[in-house]
């Protein structure tokens, strides 16, 4: 029998990602036992404290064991740390060291949402791909520059390390792990019981792009402000760099260093985010919104919109706009 460890870090963490992971794997175990007469995983909650409080003490969790009692495990799940990841890192140094030792001893590790901060702090993500909640990507990139952050991906899988995007998308990661460790049939069964959509692979549709502003390059800040304040223009990057008295090559280099995006990528993301808001809030046509955000070619607009959101403009509007009647 394999061993699954769901971690209970110290600090204010996300209870739903702990209980959700626990319940889904228990259901997979029950299904597996009914079909093959044995459970696949022994499941334990483990931490560094005998009790951890959640939601200001409204709930508490008592782990089955302390990590020092666990010499070997096969799969480790790190829950979401909500937005308390700095506090969690300070309070869980022993847990972070334990993660590194277990991985070197053959364990695979999955992080949920901002749990990626704890995984990255161990050094195990250096040089590897990773996803996390879209709202913390800028802080993550600054704190862990050696990690290849893939903010649009819902799930990453590399060398026995799995990460996923934000919030309740952890349910999709659980199905992914169940299919990998059990089989497709068990994953489908769990998806039907818990009503989780199978095979989601992006969180782009849900991301809200606000621009990377936590840098001190005044030239790039000026460029960002120009792009965001001139949405209806077709912005030519060569002209923008000339306007700011910076050579194009130097302009691109500084922009990428400050934001993580090329100037063209940044412009596209700003315009698509504005288009999304227009689609969500009014009955304008696709063409009207396209012109409002500085595009004149329908095909180009559709291609950029789909690349960033994973959906066509028409599908996005159909999903998120509701014409209210009063």
Protein backbone atom coordinates (compact mmCIF):
# COMPACT_ATOMS: atom_id res chain seq x y z
CA UNK A 1 0.00 0.00 0.00
CA UNK A 2 1.25 3.50 -0.87
CA UNK A 3 1.28 6.33 1.65
CA UNK A 4 -0.32 9.75 1.10
CA UNK A 5 0.53 12.65 3.41
CA UNK A 6 -1.66 15.77 3.42
CA UNK A 7 0.23 18.51 5.24
CA UNK A 8 -1.22 20.77 7.94
CA UNK A 9 1.21 23.71 8.08
CA UNK A 10 1.25 26.08 11.02
CA UNK A 11 -0.50 29.39 10.49
CA UNK A 12 -3.77 30.51 8.92
CA UNK A 13 -4.10 28.21 5.92
CA UNK A 14 -6.93 27.06 3.69
CA UNK A 15 -9.06 24.39 5.33
CA UNK A 16 -11.09 23.52 2.23
CA UNK A 17 -8.01 22.40 0.27
CA UNK A 18 -7.13 20.04 3.14
CA UNK A 19 -10.56 18.54 3.65
CA UNK A 20 -11.25 18.48 -0.10
CA UNK A 21 -8.07 16.55 -0.88
CA UNK A 22 -8.77 14.18 2.01
CA UNK A 23 -12.36 13.44 0.95
CA UNK A 24 -11.61 12.95 -2.75
CA UNK A 25 -8.78 10.51 -2.09
CA UNK A 26 -10.91 8.63 0.44
CA UNK A 27 -13.62 8.28 -2.21
CA UNK A 28 -11.05 7.06 -4.75
CA UNK A 29 -9.79 4.54 -2.19
CA UNK A 30 -13.32 3.28 -1.55
CA UNK A 31 -13.99 2.88 -5.28
CA UNK A 32 -10.66 1.08 -5.75
CA UNK A 33 -11.37 -1.25 -2.83
CA UNK A 34 -14.83 -2.09 -4.19
CA UNK A 35 -13.31 -3.08 -7.53
CA UNK A 36 -9.94 -4.53 -6.55
CA UNK A 37 -10.48 -5.61 -2.91
CA UNK A 38 -7.85 -3.28 -1.48
CA UNK A 39 -7.19 0.41 -0.84
CA UNK A 40 -4.37 2.00 -2.82
CA UNK A 41 -3.34 4.66 -0.29
CA UNK A 42 -3.00 4.93 3.45
CA UNK A 43 -3.99 8.58 3.99
CA UNK A 44 -2.66 10.67 6.87
CA UNK A 45 -2.78 14.32 7.83
CA UNK A 46 0.61 15.40 9.17
CA UNK A 47 2.12 18.60 10.56
CA UNK A 48 4.57 20.03 13.05
CA UNK A 49 1.94 20.81 15.70
CA UNK A 50 -0.62 18.62 17.42
CA UNK A 51 -3.42 21.07 16.59
CA UNK A 52 -3.76 23.90 14.06
CA UNK A 53 -6.54 26.51 14.17
CA UNK A 54 -8.31 27.90 11.11
CA UNK A 55 -10.55 30.90 10.44
CA UNK A 56 -9.62 32.69 13.63
CA UNK A 57 -10.12 29.61 15.76
CA UNK A 58 -13.56 28.78 14.39
CA UNK A 59 -12.22 25.42 13.20
CA UNK A 60 -9.23 23.32 14.21
CA UNK A 61 -7.46 20.28 12.78
CA UNK A 62 -5.64 17.62 14.74
CA UNK A 63 -3.15 15.87 12.41
CA UNK A 64 -2.89 12.10 12.60
CA UNK A 65 0.84 12.41 13.21
CA UNK A 66 3.84 14.74 13.44
CA UNK A 67 6.18 14.79 10.45
CA UNK A 68 9.13 13.62 12.58
CA UNK A 69 7.25 10.31 12.98
CA UNK A 70 7.01 9.86 9.20
CA UNK A 71 10.21 8.37 7.85
CA UNK A 72 8.92 7.74 4.32
CA UNK A 73 5.88 8.63 2.25
CA UNK A 74 4.99 8.30 -1.45
CA UNK A 75 2.91 11.40 -2.18
CA UNK A 76 2.73 14.71 -0.28
CA UNK A 77 0.03 17.35 -0.76
CA UNK A 78 0.74 20.92 0.37
CA UNK A 79 -2.52 22.86 0.91
CA UNK A 80 -3.19 26.46 -0.06
CA UNK A 81 -1.67 29.02 2.31
CA UNK A 82 -4.31 31.59 1.30
CA UNK A 83 -2.50 34.94 1.16
CA UNK A 84 -0.63 34.29 4.39
CA UNK A 85 2.32 32.71 2.65
CA UNK A 86 4.98 34.96 4.24
CA UNK A 87 3.75 34.04 7.72
CA UNK A 88 3.48 30.38 6.72
CA UNK A 89 7.07 30.30 5.48
CA UNK A 90 8.32 31.82 8.75
CA UNK A 91 6.35 29.32 10.86
CA UNK A 92 7.16 26.15 8.92
CA UNK A 93 10.91 25.96 8.45
CA UNK A 94 10.97 22.37 9.73
CA UNK A 95 8.23 21.41 7.29
CA UNK A 96 10.11 22.98 4.38
CA UNK A 97 13.29 21.07 5.28
CA UNK A 98 11.25 17.86 5.60
CA UNK A 99 9.81 18.35 2.10
CA UNK A 100 13.28 18.51 0.59
CA UNK A 101 14.39 15.35 2.41
CA UNK A 102 11.27 13.40 1.42
CA UNK A 103 11.62 14.34 -2.25
CA UNK A 104 15.23 13.19 -2.25
CA UNK A 105 13.98 9.97 -0.64
CA UNK A 106 11.62 9.29 -3.54
CA UNK A 107 8.38 11.05 -2.57
CA UNK A 108 6.36 13.01 -5.12
CA UNK A 109 4.95 16.39 -4.04
CA UNK A 110 1.86 18.34 -5.11
CA UNK A 111 1.18 21.95 -4.11
CA UNK A 112 -2.22 23.59 -4.09
CA UNK A 113 -2.58 27.27 -5.04
CA UNK A 114 -0.26 29.40 -2.82
CA UNK A 115 1.18 26.23 -1.34
CA UNK A 116 3.65 26.71 -4.20
CA UNK A 117 5.39 29.31 -2.01
CA UNK A 118 6.27 26.63 0.53
CA UNK A 119 7.39 24.23 -2.19
CA UNK A 120 9.52 26.92 -3.84
CA UNK A 121 11.09 27.86 -0.49
CA UNK A 122 12.48 24.32 -0.29
CA UNK A 123 14.42 24.92 -3.51
CA UNK A 124 12.73 21.97 -5.20
CA UNK A 125 11.11 24.17 -7.84
CA UNK A 126 14.32 25.84 -9.00
CA UNK A 127 14.58 25.37 -12.76
CA UNK A 128 11.15 23.70 -12.89
CA UNK A 129 7.74 24.83 -14.10
CA UNK A 130 5.15 25.93 -11.56
CA UNK A 131 1.68 27.42 -11.34
CA UNK A 132 -0.07 29.24 -8.51
CA UNK A 133 -2.98 31.64 -8.03
CA UNK A 134 -2.96 34.36 -10.71
CA UNK A 135 -3.28 37.12 -8.07
CA UNK A 136 0.11 36.36 -6.46
CA UNK A 137 2.21 35.75 -9.57
CA UNK A 138 4.08 39.05 -9.36
CA UNK A 139 5.11 38.44 -5.74
CA UNK A 140 6.05 34.86 -6.59
CA UNK A 141 8.30 35.90 -9.49
CA UNK A 142 10.08 38.46 -7.33
CA UNK A 143 10.62 36.02 -4.46
CA UNK A 144 11.57 32.97 -6.54
CA UNK A 145 13.25 34.16 -9.77
CA UNK A 146 14.78 30.71 -10.44
CA UNK A 147 11.34 29.11 -10.87
CA UNK A 148 9.74 28.94 -14.32
CA UNK A 149 6.31 30.31 -13.40
CA UNK A 150 3.54 29.29 -15.81
CA UNK A 151 0.72 31.47 -14.53
CA UNK A 152 -1.78 30.47 -17.24
CA UNK A 153 -1.43 26.74 -16.62
CA UNK A 154 -3.90 25.04 -14.32
CA UNK A 155 -1.57 22.11 -13.58
CA UNK A 156 2.16 21.52 -14.02
CA UNK A 157 3.81 18.11 -13.83
CA UNK A 158 7.59 17.86 -13.83
CA UNK A 159 9.92 15.28 -12.28
CA UNK A 160 7.49 14.13 -9.62
CA UNK A 161 6.40 17.63 -8.63
CA UNK A 162 2.89 18.88 -9.35
CA UNK A 163 1.48 22.38 -8.89
CA UNK A 164 -1.83 24.01 -9.70
CA UNK A 165 -3.54 27.36 -10.04
CA UNK A 166 -5.81 29.13 -7.63
CA UNK A 167 -8.64 28.49 -5.22
CA UNK A 168 -10.98 25.57 -5.97
CA UNK A 169 -9.06 24.54 -9.08
CA UNK A 170 -7.25 22.22 -6.64
CA UNK A 171 -10.13 19.82 -7.30
CA UNK A 172 -8.84 19.41 -10.85
CA UNK A 173 -5.37 18.66 -9.51
CA UNK A 174 -6.85 15.96 -7.28
CA UNK A 175 -8.52 14.32 -10.31
CA UNK A 176 -5.24 14.55 -12.21
CA UNK A 177 -3.39 12.78 -9.38
CA UNK A 178 -6.09 10.16 -9.01
CA UNK A 179 -5.92 9.34 -12.71
CA UNK A 180 -2.13 9.12 -12.47
CA UNK A 181 -2.03 6.92 -9.36
CA UNK A 182 -5.28 4.93 -9.76
CA UNK A 183 -6.65 5.04 -13.32
CA UNK A 184 -8.88 7.04 -15.65
CA UNK A 185 -11.99 5.14 -14.60
CA UNK A 186 -11.51 6.06 -10.94
CA UNK A 187 -10.90 9.70 -11.84
CA UNK A 188 -14.11 9.83 -13.89
CA UNK A 189 -16.04 8.25 -11.03
CA UNK A 190 -14.73 10.90 -8.60
CA UNK A 191 -15.47 13.68 -11.09
CA UNK A 192 -19.10 12.52 -11.23
CA UNK A 193 -19.49 12.10 -7.48
CA UNK A 194 -18.00 15.52 -6.70
CA UNK A 195 -19.22 17.13 -9.95
CA UNK A 196 -15.79 18.37 -11.04
CA UNK A 197 -15.11 19.09 -14.70
CA UNK A 198 -12.54 16.70 -16.15
CA UNK A 199 -9.42 17.70 -18.07
CA UNK A 200 -9.33 21.43 -17.42
CA UNK A 201 -5.85 22.65 -18.30
CA UNK A 202 -5.85 26.45 -18.01
CA UNK A 203 -6.83 29.14 -15.53
CA UNK A 204 -6.46 31.96 -18.08
CA UNK A 205 -10.21 32.54 -18.26
CA UNK A 206 -10.31 33.50 -14.58
CA UNK A 207 -7.20 35.66 -14.35
CA UNK A 208 -7.59 39.42 -13.88
CA UNK A 209 -4.57 41.20 -15.38
CA UNK A 210 -3.56 44.26 -13.37
CA UNK A 211 -0.05 44.72 -14.70
CA UNK A 212 3.23 44.13 -12.89
CA UNK A 213 3.91 47.38 -11.01
CA UNK A 214 6.26 46.28 -8.23
CA UNK A 215 9.42 47.63 -9.82
CA UNK A 216 11.29 50.95 -9.76
CA UNK A 217 12.04 51.48 -13.46
CA UNK A 218 10.43 54.87 -14.12
CA UNK A 219 10.73 54.52 -17.89
CA UNK A 220 8.81 51.23 -17.84
CA UNK A 221 6.21 52.74 -15.50
CA UNK A 222 5.69 55.53 -18.03
CA UNK A 223 5.34 52.99 -20.83
CA UNK A 224 2.81 50.99 -18.82
CA UNK A 225 0.79 54.13 -18.06
CA UNK A 226 0.77 55.09 -21.75
CA UNK A 227 -0.44 51.64 -22.83
CA UNK A 228 -3.17 51.57 -20.17
CA UNK A 229 -4.37 55.13 -20.87
CA UNK A 230 -4.56 54.74 -24.64
CA UNK A 231 -6.55 51.55 -25.06
CA UNK A 232 -8.26 52.64 -28.26
CA UNK A 233 -4.94 53.23 -30.05
CA UNK A 234 -3.03 50.72 -32.12
CA UNK A 235 0.20 50.98 -30.16
CA UNK A 236 3.41 50.55 -32.15
CA UNK A 237 6.20 49.63 -29.72
CA UNK A 238 8.88 51.25 -31.89
CA UNK A 239 7.00 54.56 -31.66
CA UNK A 240 6.49 54.17 -27.89
CA UNK A 241 10.20 53.61 -27.27
CA UNK A 242 11.00 56.66 -29.42
CA UNK A 243 8.46 58.72 -27.45
CA UNK A 244 10.30 57.77 -24.25
CA UNK A 245 13.74 58.45 -25.80
CA UNK A 246 14.95 54.85 -25.39
CA UNK A 247 16.41 52.60 -28.07
CA UNK A 248 14.13 49.72 -29.01
CA UNK A 249 16.49 46.95 -27.88
CA UNK A 250 17.11 48.60 -24.50
CA UNK A 251 13.40 49.36 -24.16
CA UNK A 252 12.47 45.69 -24.65
CA UNK A 253 15.18 44.48 -22.27
CA UNK A 254 14.12 46.82 -19.45
CA UNK A 255 10.43 46.14 -20.00
CA UNK A 256 10.87 42.35 -19.80
CA UNK A 257 13.09 42.64 -16.72
CA UNK A 258 10.54 44.83 -14.92
CA UNK A 259 7.29 43.08 -15.87
CA UNK A 260 8.10 39.57 -17.06
CA UNK A 261 6.29 40.37 -20.34
CA UNK A 262 7.52 41.73 -23.63
CA UNK A 263 5.98 45.13 -24.46
CA UNK A 264 3.79 43.45 -27.10
CA UNK A 265 2.58 40.78 -24.64
CA UNK A 266 1.85 43.43 -22.03
CA UNK A 267 -0.12 45.54 -24.51
CA UNK A 268 -2.14 42.52 -25.60
CA UNK A 269 -2.94 41.55 -22.00
CA UNK A 270 -4.03 45.09 -21.09
CA UNK A 271 -6.29 45.32 -24.13
CA UNK A 272 -7.80 41.85 -23.61
CA UNK A 273 -8.49 42.61 -19.94
CA UNK A 274 -10.33 45.77 -20.98
CA UNK A 275 -12.27 43.79 -23.60
CA UNK A 276 -13.24 41.19 -20.99
CA UNK A 277 -14.72 43.89 -18.75
CA UNK A 278 -16.68 45.34 -21.67
CA UNK A 279 -18.04 41.91 -22.59
CA UNK A 280 -19.06 41.29 -18.97
CA UNK A 281 -20.90 44.57 -18.45
CA UNK A 282 -22.69 45.67 -21.64
CA UNK A 283 -24.30 44.46 -24.81
CA UNK A 284 -21.73 45.81 -27.27
CA UNK A 285 -20.96 43.59 -30.23
CA UNK A 286 -17.65 41.83 -30.74
CA UNK A 287 -16.66 44.40 -33.38
CA UNK A 288 -17.59 47.36 -31.17
CA UNK A 289 -15.47 46.04 -28.29
CA UNK A 290 -12.65 45.25 -30.69
CA UNK A 291 -12.52 48.88 -31.88
CA UNK A 292 -12.77 50.17 -28.30
CA UNK A 293 -9.55 48.38 -27.39
CA UNK A 294 -7.59 49.42 -30.45
CA UNK A 295 -8.00 46.49 -32.87
CA UNK A 296 -9.27 46.80 -36.42
CA UNK A 297 -8.70 43.22 -37.62
CA UNK A 298 -11.31 40.75 -36.35
CA UNK A 299 -9.12 37.72 -36.96
CA UNK A 300 -6.16 39.21 -35.07
CA UNK A 301 -8.39 40.24 -32.16
CA UNK A 302 -9.92 36.78 -31.90
CA UNK A 303 -6.53 35.08 -32.01
CA UNK A 304 -5.04 37.28 -29.27
CA UNK A 305 -8.16 36.99 -27.12
CA UNK A 306 -8.18 33.19 -27.37
CA UNK A 307 -4.42 32.96 -26.73
CA UNK A 308 -4.78 34.90 -23.46
CA UNK A 309 -8.14 33.63 -22.15
CA UNK A 310 -8.41 30.21 -23.76
CA UNK A 311 -11.82 31.20 -25.16
CA UNK A 312 -13.18 33.03 -28.18
CA UNK A 313 -14.65 36.53 -27.59
CA UNK A 314 -18.11 35.19 -28.43
CA UNK A 315 -17.83 32.31 -25.97
CA UNK A 316 -16.53 34.62 -23.25
CA UNK A 317 -19.39 37.08 -23.72
CA UNK A 318 -21.91 34.23 -23.77
CA UNK A 319 -20.59 32.87 -20.48
CA UNK A 320 -20.20 36.09 -18.49
CA UNK A 321 -22.70 38.64 -19.80
CA UNK A 322 -26.27 38.54 -18.62
CA UNK A 323 -28.65 41.21 -19.85
CA UNK A 324 -30.48 42.11 -16.64
CA UNK A 325 -34.13 43.02 -16.89
CA UNK A 326 -35.57 45.36 -14.23
